[in-house]
């Protein structure tokens, strides 16, 4: 029976991943994210071409009208969403069905946020409210996480980034972080609690350091700025599923020294 749930999760994850591609492309400009359309001519895709993964495998990854090639990134987003949904299912399968679906929604939201920020586009303000709403709903679905822990997580995450924002502005006379980062960490802390919030900061910063170090080695990319919200999203997805275990391992590691 579990195999049926796994297959259903993967299929649903792929389908939602297709919607995410449209949301990433259209939400910043206020457009409706469906139906899926060609980026060049605007022709709506048929149901058989809805998923970029399926279109690529079947050799139909070009628009019938203008011949534009669909981006490889679209298939990656669909596969990533399906894979992360599967990991979430395996992690929270013994939790309530409500908490499981909230984790699915949060993962897809973070993917959407990460790619919109990476593209240098502006996030719609309601997306923070959506994550906050997931956190409020999760109060009734996840009895293991107390409201006190959520409030501490919001204050810790948002406060740390607000302080970082102020320090960068005072010392460097420019914004090292944006208020979008502060808001994202605040609502993420409320959604996941203070332990996962801590690991989101640590893991997100670590990922940012590694990626930016690699990117800085390439010519022409040294002065390019990358939004930190994209790294927060990566840290949040990982921490939401494995935050407590990572924090315990982190504490044990430093207790050795």
Foldseek 3Di string as FASTA:
>chain_A
DVVVVLVVLLVVLLLVLLLLVQCLVPVLVPDDSDDDADPPPGHGDDPCPSGCVSCVVVVNQADPPPRHGHDPVSNVSSNVLSVLLSLLCVLCVVFFPLVSVLLSVLLSLLSSQLSSQQVVGDDDPCSLVVLLVSLVSCVVRDVVDHQVQLQCQLCVQLVVVVVVQVVCCVPVVDGPADVVSSSNRNSLSNNQGNQLSVQLVVQLVVVVVVVLVVQCVDPPRVPPDGHSSNSSSVSSSCSSRCRVVVSVVVVVVVVVD
